[in-house]
């Protein structure tokens, strides 16, 4: 191999190293200027967030974050989930705070939920990202496909829940059996609220006393109870509602053949029903 060719290869290699170093410096500089966020949420799929939202830095200490994000949830009256995402600015964003609230229906899958969570995190971070070099990476897209489509609920806002559980244990001289079951029916709209709960419980105990493998004493006990709790309220305006409670109960343990309790109900909602 001749000497000029070796010099040429060495020169090309040096240029490649300088270019690679410059590219790495640019990437490092970009990451240093990216927004540092800390997500405070134990049940969220943060690995999914990191894989699908890469223009921010995810830090492990909220004190070094530019934005502290707190995600909380609560169950809605229709069985879905309402999320609240609080954005608290820190350092140079100290006075920039915001809160987003959105609801998801009960039939959403885990994947659909995490996609909606990430979408609202991204929306809430827009004011912060606009103050970083990554503002050029943002684009506005508005989906008008479903603007005039009326959502139809084939269940008419009715939500049904059925459950049951039980347990048993025993030995030669003692056996115990228990079973609980119930049905819950709800309908919550801006006009009415209906809540119906039916529960039943059954216990069975058997005692046996033996002497020299001979049965000398036995007793069996049975306990049954049925309980029904019912609520109906009708909205009066945007904040007030009126209706009544109806309780029905039967219990062998309480020596109660039948009990009925009827009470009035008055409801005030801090937010408008609508």
C-alpha atoms as a PDB file:
ATOM      1  CA  UNK A   1       0.000   0.000   0.000  1.00  0.00           C
ATOM      2  CA  UNK A   2       1.478   3.346  -1.084  1.00  0.00           C
ATOM      3  CA  UNK A   3       2.065   6.192   1.332  1.00  0.00           C
ATOM      4  CA  UNK A   4      -0.327   8.812  -0.280  1.00  0.00           C
ATOM      5  CA  UNK A   5      -3.228   6.377   0.013  1.00  0.00           C
ATOM      6  CA  UNK A   6      -2.482   5.741   3.701  1.00  0.00           C
ATOM      7  CA  UNK A   7      -2.402   9.508   4.342  1.00  0.00           C
ATOM      8  CA  UNK A   8      -5.726   9.900   2.529  1.00  0.00           C
ATOM      9  CA  UNK A   9      -7.378   7.139   4.622  1.00  0.00           C
ATOM     10  CA  UNK A  10      -6.035   8.715   7.829  1.00  0.00           C
ATOM     11  CA  UNK A  11      -7.359  12.133   6.765  1.00  0.00           C
ATOM     12  CA  UNK A  12     -10.848  10.728   6.018  1.00  0.00           C
ATOM     13  CA  UNK A  13     -10.873   8.910   9.375  1.00  0.00           C
ATOM     14  CA  UNK A  14     -10.031  12.123  11.253  1.00  0.00           C
ATOM     15  CA  UNK A  15     -12.830  14.013   9.472  1.00  0.00           C
ATOM     16  CA  UNK A  16     -15.301  11.249  10.366  1.00  0.00           C
ATOM     17  CA  UNK A  17     -14.238  11.392  14.042  1.00  0.00           C
ATOM     18  CA  UNK A  18     -14.666  15.186  14.116  1.00  0.00           C
ATOM     19  CA  UNK A  19     -18.111  14.912  12.525  1.00  0.00           C
ATOM     20  CA  UNK A  20     -19.197  12.190  14.954  1.00  0.00           C
ATOM     21  CA  UNK A  21     -17.918  14.212  17.917  1.00  0.00           C
ATOM     22  CA  UNK A  22     -19.762  17.295  16.670  1.00  0.00           C
ATOM     23  CA  UNK A  23     -22.961  15.292  16.237  1.00  0.00           C
ATOM     24  CA  UNK A  24     -22.648  13.885  19.749  1.00  0.00           C
ATOM     25  CA  UNK A  25     -22.039  17.364  21.155  1.00  0.00           C
ATOM     26  CA  UNK A  26     -25.126  18.625  19.328  1.00  0.00           C
ATOM     27  CA  UNK A  27     -27.262  15.793  20.709  1.00  0.00           C
ATOM     28  CA  UNK A  28     -25.894  16.344  24.217  1.00  0.00           C
ATOM     29  CA  UNK A  29     -26.528  20.069  23.956  1.00  0.00           C
ATOM     30  CA  UNK A  30     -30.085  19.428  22.739  1.00  0.00           C
ATOM     31  CA  UNK A  31     -30.840  17.081  25.624  1.00  0.00           C
ATOM     32  CA  UNK A  32     -29.468  19.650  28.076  1.00  0.00           C
ATOM     33  CA  UNK A  33     -31.924  22.226  26.733  1.00  0.00           C
ATOM     34  CA  UNK A  34     -34.860  19.782  26.729  1.00  0.00           C
ATOM     35  CA  UNK A  35     -37.607  20.073  29.334  1.00  0.00           C
ATOM     36  CA  UNK A  36     -37.023  18.057  32.520  1.00  0.00           C
ATOM     37  CA  UNK A  37     -40.232  16.491  33.839  1.00  0.00           C
ATOM     38  CA  UNK A  38     -41.074  14.377  36.889  1.00  0.00           C
ATOM     39  CA  UNK A  39     -44.269  12.293  36.685  1.00  0.00           C
ATOM     40  CA  UNK A  40     -45.823  11.498  40.059  1.00  0.00           C
ATOM     41  CA  UNK A  41     -48.054   8.487  39.314  1.00  0.00           C
ATOM     42  CA  UNK A  42     -47.635   4.996  40.787  1.00  0.00           C
ATOM     43  CA  UNK A  43     -50.067   3.180  38.485  1.00  0.00           C
ATOM     44  CA  UNK A  44     -49.102   4.837  35.171  1.00  0.00           C
ATOM     45  CA  UNK A  45     -47.124   3.018  32.465  1.00  0.00           C
ATOM     46  CA  UNK A  46     -44.173   5.418  32.465  1.00  0.00           C
ATOM     47  CA  UNK A  47     -42.109   3.104  30.247  1.00  0.00           C
ATOM     48  CA  UNK A  48     -44.737   3.666  27.552  1.00  0.00           C
ATOM     49  CA  UNK A  49     -44.498   7.443  28.069  1.00  0.00           C
ATOM     50  CA  UNK A  50     -40.698   7.385  27.693  1.00  0.00           C
ATOM     51  CA  UNK A  51     -40.824   5.257  24.541  1.00  0.00           C
ATOM     52  CA  UNK A  52     -43.448   7.386  22.787  1.00  0.00           C
ATOM     53  CA  UNK A  53     -42.630  10.919  23.983  1.00  0.00           C
ATOM     54  CA  UNK A  54     -38.920  11.577  23.571  1.00  0.00           C
ATOM     55  CA  UNK A  55     -38.474  15.364  23.335  1.00  0.00           C
ATOM     56  CA  UNK A  56     -38.381  15.709  27.133  1.00  0.00           C
ATOM     57  CA  UNK A  57     -36.059  14.408  29.827  1.00  0.00           C
ATOM     58  CA  UNK A  58     -37.553  12.160  32.525  1.00  0.00           C
ATOM     59  CA  UNK A  59     -35.880  12.811  35.874  1.00  0.00           C
ATOM     60  CA  UNK A  60     -36.107  10.765  39.078  1.00  0.00           C
ATOM     61  CA  UNK A  61     -36.031  13.673  41.507  1.00  0.00           C
ATOM     62  CA  UNK A  62     -38.893  16.172  41.419  1.00  0.00           C
ATOM     63  CA  UNK A  63     -36.604  18.882  42.827  1.00  0.00           C
ATOM     64  CA  UNK A  64     -34.503  18.982  39.642  1.00  0.00           C
ATOM     65  CA  UNK A  65     -37.528  18.929  37.318  1.00  0.00           C
ATOM     66  CA  UNK A  66     -38.750  21.920  35.326  1.00  0.00           C
ATOM     67  CA  UNK A  67     -42.311  20.584  35.572  1.00  0.00           C
ATOM     68  CA  UNK A  68     -43.758  18.406  38.334  1.00  0.00           C
ATOM     69  CA  UNK A  69     -46.703  16.362  36.995  1.00  0.00           C
ATOM     70  CA  UNK A  70     -49.182  14.777  39.426  1.00  0.00           C
ATOM     71  CA  UNK A  71     -51.782  12.352  38.033  1.00  0.00           C
ATOM     72  CA  UNK A  72     -54.771  11.288  40.154  1.00  0.00           C
ATOM     73  CA  UNK A  73     -57.962   9.379  39.340  1.00  0.00           C
ATOM     74  CA  UNK A  74     -61.430   8.740  40.701  1.00  0.00           C
ATOM     75  CA  UNK A  75     -64.375   6.592  39.610  1.00  0.00           C
ATOM     76  CA  UNK A  76     -67.259   8.347  37.887  1.00  0.00           C
ATOM     77  CA  UNK A  77     -70.931   7.649  38.519  1.00  0.00           C
ATOM     78  CA  UNK A  78     -71.199   5.709  35.252  1.00  0.00           C
ATOM     79  CA  UNK A  79     -68.363   3.348  36.192  1.00  0.00           C
ATOM     80  CA  UNK A  80     -65.665   5.100  34.155  1.00  0.00           C
ATOM     81  CA  UNK A  81     -62.584   6.960  35.371  1.00  0.00           C
ATOM     82  CA  UNK A  82     -61.956  10.689  35.755  1.00  0.00           C
ATOM     83  CA  UNK A  83     -58.318  11.764  35.598  1.00  0.00           C
ATOM     84  CA  UNK A  84     -56.827  14.998  36.891  1.00  0.00           C
ATOM     85  CA  UNK A  85     -53.336  15.998  35.752  1.00  0.00           C
ATOM     86  CA  UNK A  86     -51.678  18.878  37.614  1.00  0.00           C
ATOM     87  CA  UNK A  87     -48.715  20.663  36.031  1.00  0.00           C
ATOM     88  CA  UNK A  88     -46.560  22.639  38.482  1.00  0.00           C
ATOM     89  CA  UNK A  89     -43.780  24.709  36.975  1.00  0.00           C
ATOM     90  CA  UNK A  90     -40.449  24.956  38.771  1.00  0.00           C
ATOM     91  CA  UNK A  91     -37.249  26.966  38.310  1.00  0.00           C
ATOM     92  CA  UNK A  92     -37.806  29.357  35.365  1.00  0.00           C
ATOM     93  CA  UNK A  93     -41.352  27.986  34.953  1.00  0.00           C
ATOM     94  CA  UNK A  94     -42.250  28.614  38.589  1.00  0.00           C
ATOM     95  CA  UNK A  95     -45.376  30.673  37.906  1.00  0.00           C
ATOM     96  CA  UNK A  96     -46.611  28.546  35.020  1.00  0.00           C
ATOM     97  CA  UNK A  97     -49.178  26.058  36.433  1.00  0.00           C
ATOM     98  CA  UNK A  98     -52.157  24.284  34.923  1.00  0.00           C
ATOM     99  CA  UNK A  99     -54.642  21.439  35.536  1.00  0.00           C
ATOM    100  CA  UNK A 100     -56.313  19.178  32.977  1.00  0.00           C
ATOM    101  CA  UNK A 101     -59.356  17.016  33.773  1.00  0.00           C
ATOM    102  CA  UNK A 102     -60.755  14.355  31.440  1.00  0.00           C
ATOM    103  CA  UNK A 103     -62.927  11.241  31.722  1.00  0.00           C
ATOM    104  CA  UNK A 104     -62.710   7.826  30.091  1.00  0.00           C
ATOM    105  CA  UNK A 105     -65.576   5.300  29.768  1.00  0.00           C
ATOM    106  CA  UNK A 106     -65.622   2.039  31.710  1.00  0.00           C
ATOM    107  CA  UNK A 107     -64.960  -0.117  28.628  1.00  0.00           C
ATOM    108  CA  UNK A 108     -61.552   1.432  27.817  1.00  0.00           C
ATOM    109  CA  UNK A 109     -58.630  -1.021  27.708  1.00  0.00           C
ATOM    110  CA  UNK A 110     -55.308  -0.436  29.499  1.00  0.00           C
ATOM    111  CA  UNK A 111     -53.674   0.482  26.183  1.00  0.00           C
ATOM    112  CA  UNK A 112     -56.386   3.033  25.362  1.00  0.00           C
ATOM    113  CA  UNK A 113     -56.079   4.541  28.842  1.00  0.00           C
ATOM    114  CA  UNK A 114     -52.303   5.032  28.646  1.00  0.00           C
ATOM    115  CA  UNK A 115     -52.613   6.580  25.180  1.00  0.00           C
ATOM    116  CA  UNK A 116     -55.147   9.112  26.483  1.00  0.00           C
ATOM    117  CA  UNK A 117     -52.968   9.812  29.541  1.00  0.00           C
ATOM    118  CA  UNK A 118     -49.944  10.504  27.332  1.00  0.00           C
ATOM    119  CA  UNK A 119     -51.977  12.678  24.968  1.00  0.00           C
ATOM    120  CA  UNK A 120     -53.124  14.922  27.815  1.00  0.00           C
ATOM    121  CA  UNK A 121     -49.612  15.048  29.289  1.00  0.00           C
ATOM    122  CA  UNK A 122     -48.345  16.248  25.906  1.00  0.00           C
ATOM    123  CA  UNK A 123     -51.129  18.841  25.634  1.00  0.00           C
ATOM    124  CA  UNK A 124     -50.423  20.153  29.127  1.00  0.00           C
ATOM    125  CA  UNK A 125     -46.684  20.471  28.422  1.00  0.00           C
ATOM    126  CA  UNK A 126     -47.137  22.584  25.280  1.00  0.00           C
ATOM    127  CA  UNK A 127     -46.759  25.975  27.102  1.00  0.00           C
ATOM    128  CA  UNK A 128     -43.515  24.736  28.669  1.00  0.00           C
ATOM    129  CA  UNK A 129     -42.051  23.203  25.501  1.00  0.00           C
ATOM    130  CA  UNK A 130     -42.819  26.441  23.624  1.00  0.00           C
ATOM    131  CA  UNK A 131     -40.131  28.079  25.770  1.00  0.00           C
ATOM    132  CA  UNK A 132     -37.455  25.541  24.753  1.00  0.00           C
ATOM    133  CA  UNK A 133     -35.567  24.927  21.467  1.00  0.00           C
ATOM    134  CA  UNK A 134     -37.891  21.985  20.895  1.00  0.00           C
ATOM    135  CA  UNK A 135     -40.766  24.375  20.107  1.00  0.00           C
ATOM    136  CA  UNK A 136     -39.960  23.874  16.423  1.00  0.00           C
ATOM    137  CA  UNK A 137     -40.906  20.202  16.815  1.00  0.00           C
ATOM    138  CA  UNK A 138     -44.522  21.071  17.629  1.00  0.00           C
ATOM    139  CA  UNK A 139     -47.353  21.008  15.092  1.00  0.00           C
ATOM    140  CA  UNK A 140     -51.042  21.763  15.571  1.00  0.00           C
ATOM    141  CA  UNK A 141     -53.501  19.149  14.307  1.00  0.00           C
ATOM    142  CA  UNK A 142     -57.269  19.357  14.848  1.00  0.00           C
ATOM    143  CA  UNK A 143     -59.448  16.325  14.198  1.00  0.00           C
ATOM    144  CA  UNK A 144     -62.932  17.325  13.029  1.00  0.00           C
ATOM    145  CA  UNK A 145     -64.056  13.862  11.909  1.00  0.00           C
ATOM    146  CA  UNK A 146     -66.375  13.295  14.883  1.00  0.00           C
ATOM    147  CA  UNK A 147     -67.525  16.902  15.240  1.00  0.00           C
ATOM    148  CA  UNK A 148     -71.061  16.293  13.993  1.00  0.00           C
ATOM    149  CA  UNK A 149     -71.419  12.642  14.998  1.00  0.00           C
ATOM    150  CA  UNK A 150     -73.836  12.084  17.852  1.00  0.00           C
ATOM    151  CA  UNK A 151     -72.639   9.442  20.278  1.00  0.00           C
ATOM    152  CA  UNK A 152     -75.192   6.693  20.833  1.00  0.00           C
ATOM    153  CA  UNK A 153     -75.300   4.662  24.015  1.00  0.00           C
ATOM    154  CA  UNK A 154     -77.193   1.402  23.464  1.00  0.00           C
ATOM    155  CA  UNK A 155     -77.357   0.913  27.247  1.00  0.00           C
ATOM    156  CA  UNK A 156     -79.019   4.316  27.795  1.00  0.00           C
ATOM    157  CA  UNK A 157     -76.538   5.164  30.604  1.00  0.00           C
ATOM    158  CA  UNK A 158     -77.409   2.021  32.570  1.00  0.00           C
ATOM    159  CA  UNK A 159     -74.440   0.297  34.242  1.00  0.00           C
ATOM    160  CA  UNK A 160     -74.752  -3.251  35.627  1.00  0.00           C
ATOM    161  CA  UNK A 161     -72.410  -5.079  37.985  1.00  0.00           C
ATOM    162  CA  UNK A 162     -72.709  -8.637  39.279  1.00  0.00           C
ATOM    163  CA  UNK A 163     -70.355 -10.116  41.877  1.00  0.00           C
ATOM    164  CA  UNK A 164     -70.007 -13.101  44.153  1.00  0.00           C
ATOM    165  CA  UNK A 165     -67.449 -14.672  46.471  1.00  0.00           C
ATOM    166  CA  UNK A 166     -67.282 -17.252  49.203  1.00  0.00           C
ATOM    167  CA  UNK A 167     -65.024 -19.463  51.282  1.00  0.00           C
ATOM    168  CA  UNK A 168     -65.137 -22.684  53.269  1.00  0.00           C
ATOM    169  CA  UNK A 169     -63.038 -24.532  55.828  1.00  0.00           C
ATOM    170  CA  UNK A 170     -63.469 -27.521  58.041  1.00  0.00           C
ATOM    171  CA  UNK A 171     -62.215 -30.593  59.784  1.00  0.00           C
ATOM    172  CA  UNK A 172     -63.786 -33.689  61.322  1.00  0.00           C
ATOM    173  CA  UNK A 173     -65.584 -31.845  64.121  1.00  0.00           C
ATOM    174  CA  UNK A 174     -66.237 -28.492  62.459  1.00  0.00           C
ATOM    175  CA  UNK A 175     -67.213 -27.238  59.010  1.00  0.00           C
ATOM    176  CA  UNK A 176     -68.009 -23.714  57.851  1.00  0.00           C
ATOM    177  CA  UNK A 177     -69.316 -22.367  54.558  1.00  0.00           C
ATOM    178  CA  UNK A 178     -69.983 -18.774  53.467  1.00  0.00           C
ATOM    179  CA  UNK A 179     -71.145 -17.210  50.216  1.00  0.00           C
ATOM    180  CA  UNK A 180     -71.883 -13.590  49.308  1.00  0.00           C
ATOM    181  CA  UNK A 181     -73.412 -12.274  46.104  1.00  0.00           C
ATOM    182  CA  UNK A 182     -74.857  -9.070  44.798  1.00  0.00           C
ATOM    183  CA  UNK A 183     -76.150  -7.047  41.874  1.00  0.00           C
ATOM    184  CA  UNK A 184     -75.637  -3.318  41.334  1.00  0.00           C
ATOM    185  CA  UNK A 185     -77.596  -1.228  38.833  1.00  0.00           C
ATOM    186  CA  UNK A 186     -76.878   2.462  38.221  1.00  0.00           C
ATOM    187  CA  UNK A 187     -78.006   5.191  35.910  1.00  0.00           C
ATOM    188  CA  UNK A 188     -76.511   8.672  36.289  1.00  0.00           C
ATOM    189  CA  UNK A 189     -77.338  11.541  33.942  1.00  0.00           C
ATOM    190  CA  UNK A 190     -77.649  15.297  34.305  1.00  0.00           C
ATOM    191  CA  UNK A 191     -81.402  14.741  34.856  1.00  0.00           C
ATOM    192  CA  UNK A 192     -81.716  11.720  37.190  1.00  0.00           C
ATOM    193  CA  UNK A 193     -79.695   9.422  39.418  1.00  0.00           C
ATOM    194  CA  UNK A 194     -80.799   5.845  40.107  1.00  0.00           C
ATOM    195  CA  UNK A 195     -78.769   3.469  42.277  1.00  0.00           C
ATOM    196  CA  UNK A 196     -80.056  -0.042  43.099  1.00  0.00           C
ATOM    197  CA  UNK A 197     -77.994  -2.490  45.180  1.00  0.00           C
ATOM    198  CA  UNK A 198     -79.124  -6.042  45.995  1.00  0.00           C
ATOM    199  CA  UNK A 199     -76.992  -8.193  48.307  1.00  0.00           C
ATOM    200  CA  UNK A 200     -77.377 -11.637  49.846  1.00  0.00           C
ATOM    201  CA  UNK A 201     -75.330 -13.571  52.397  1.00  0.00           C
ATOM    202  CA  UNK A 202     -75.474 -17.202  53.502  1.00  0.00           C
ATOM    203  CA  UNK A 203     -73.528 -18.867  56.357  1.00  0.00           C
ATOM    204  CA  UNK A 204     -73.628 -22.509  57.337  1.00  0.00           C
ATOM    205  CA  UNK A 205     -71.849 -24.060  60.348  1.00  0.00           C
ATOM    206  CA  UNK A 206     -71.744 -27.703  61.446  1.00  0.00           C
ATOM    207  CA  UNK A 207     -70.387 -28.913  64.789  1.00  0.00           C
ATOM    208  CA  UNK A 208     -69.797 -32.570  65.699  1.00  0.00           C
ATOM    209  CA  UNK A 209     -68.594 -33.974  69.037  1.00  0.00           C
ATOM    210  CA  UNK A 210     -67.106 -37.456  69.103  1.00  0.00           C
ATOM    211  CA  UNK A 211     -66.056 -39.816  71.887  1.00  0.00           C
ATOM    212  CA  UNK A 212     -64.124 -42.885  70.831  1.00  0.00           C
ATOM    213  CA  UNK A 213     -65.190 -42.221  67.237  1.00  0.00           C
ATOM    214  CA  UNK A 214     -68.827 -42.233  68.284  1.00  0.00           C
ATOM    215  CA  UNK A 215     -70.966 -39.165  67.603  1.00  0.00           C
ATOM    216  CA  UNK A 216     -72.419 -37.857  70.875  1.00  0.00           C
ATOM    217  CA  UNK A 217     -73.490 -34.324  69.901  1.00  0.00           C
ATOM    218  CA  UNK A 218     -74.181 -32.365  66.719  1.00  0.00           C
ATOM    219  CA  UNK A 219     -75.593 -28.996  65.794  1.00  0.00           C
ATOM    220  CA  UNK A 220     -76.104 -27.212  62.478  1.00  0.00           C
ATOM    221  CA  UNK A 221     -76.674 -23.476  62.166  1.00  0.00           C
ATOM    222  CA  UNK A 222     -77.808 -21.496  59.133  1.00  0.00           C
ATOM    223  CA  UNK A 223     -77.853 -17.740  58.647  1.00  0.00           C
ATOM    224  CA  UNK A 224     -79.368 -15.937  55.704  1.00  0.00           C
ATOM    225  CA  UNK A 225     -79.714 -12.229  55.010  1.00  0.00           C
ATOM    226  CA  UNK A 226     -80.945 -10.156  52.100  1.00  0.00           C
ATOM    227  CA  UNK A 227     -80.420  -6.424  51.711  1.00  0.00           C
ATOM    228  CA  UNK A 228     -81.599  -3.901  49.165  1.00  0.00           C
ATOM    229  CA  UNK A 229     -80.509  -0.247  49.035  1.00  0.00           C
ATOM    230  CA  UNK A 230     -82.214   2.035  46.522  1.00  0.00           C
ATOM    231  CA  UNK A 231     -81.719   5.713  45.716  1.00  0.00           C
ATOM    232  CA  UNK A 232     -83.622   7.912  43.290  1.00  0.00           C
ATOM    233  CA  UNK A 233     -83.038  11.644  42.800  1.00  0.00           C
ATOM    234  CA  UNK A 234     -84.351  14.073  40.206  1.00  0.00           C
ATOM    235  CA  UNK A 235     -82.390  17.198  39.367  1.00  0.00           C
ATOM    236  CA  UNK A 236     -83.965  20.552  40.189  1.00  0.00           C
ATOM    237  CA  UNK A 237     -81.942  23.070  38.239  1.00  0.00           C
ATOM    238  CA  UNK A 238     -78.194  22.747  37.682  1.00  0.00           C
ATOM    239  CA  UNK A 239     -77.072  22.069  41.268  1.00  0.00           C
ATOM    240  CA  UNK A 240     -79.973  20.705  43.334  1.00  0.00           C
ATOM    241  CA  UNK A 241     -81.656  17.316  43.330  1.00  0.00           C
ATOM    242  CA  UNK A 242     -84.449  15.743  45.372  1.00  0.00           C
ATOM    243  CA  UNK A 243     -85.700  12.207  45.785  1.00  0.00           C
ATOM    244  CA  UNK A 244     -85.654   9.387  48.312  1.00  0.00           C
ATOM    245  CA  UNK A 245     -83.942   6.332  49.817  1.00  0.00           C
ATOM    246  CA  UNK A 246     -85.605   2.944  50.165  1.00  0.00           C
ATOM    247  CA  UNK A 247     -84.016   0.196  52.291  1.00  0.00           C
ATOM    248  CA  UNK A 248     -85.306  -3.394  52.441  1.00  0.00           C
ATOM    249  CA  UNK A 249     -83.817  -6.045  54.733  1.00  0.00           C
ATOM    250  CA  UNK A 250     -84.347  -9.635  55.826  1.00  0.00           C
ATOM    251  CA  UNK A 251     -82.043 -11.398  58.309  1.00  0.00           C
ATOM    252  CA  UNK A 252     -82.315 -14.660  60.255  1.00  0.00           C
ATOM    253  CA  UNK A 253     -79.299 -13.636  62.354  1.00  0.00           C
ATOM    254  CA  UNK A 254     -81.061 -10.426  63.401  1.00  0.00           C
ATOM    255  CA  UNK A 255     -84.367 -12.277  63.848  1.00  0.00           C
ATOM    256  CA  UNK A 256     -85.830  -9.930  61.236  1.00  0.00           C
ATOM    257  CA  UNK A 257     -88.447 -11.245  58.840  1.00  0.00           C
ATOM    258  CA  UNK A 258     -88.854  -7.976  56.948  1.00  0.00           C
ATOM    259  CA  UNK A 259     -87.777  -4.382  57.472  1.00  0.00           C
ATOM    260  CA  UNK A 260     -88.413  -1.370  55.252  1.00  0.00           C
ATOM    261  CA  UNK A 261     -87.031   2.151  55.690  1.00  0.00           C
ATOM    262  CA  UNK A 262     -88.068   5.095  53.535  1.00  0.00           C
ATOM    263  CA  UNK A 263     -86.205   8.425  53.757  1.00  0.00           C
ATOM    264  CA  UNK A 264     -86.192  11.642  51.728  1.00  0.00           C
ATOM    265  CA  UNK A 265     -83.046  12.665  49.853  1.00  0.00           C
ATOM    266  CA  UNK A 266     -81.747  16.139  49.063  1.00  0.00           C
ATOM    267  CA  UNK A 267     -78.626  16.576  46.980  1.00  0.00           C
ATOM    268  CA  UNK A 268     -76.448  19.591  46.221  1.00  0.00           C
ATOM    269  CA  UNK A 269     -73.668  19.344  43.654  1.00  0.00           C
ATOM    270  CA  UNK A 270     -70.758  21.801  43.741  1.00  0.00           C
ATOM    271  CA  UNK A 271     -70.428  21.626  39.952  1.00  0.00           C
ATOM    272  CA  UNK A 272     -73.210  21.912  37.433  1.00  0.00           C
ATOM    273  CA  UNK A 273     -74.808  18.628  36.457  1.00  0.00           C
ATOM    274  CA  UNK A 274     -74.225  19.424  32.819  1.00  0.00           C
END
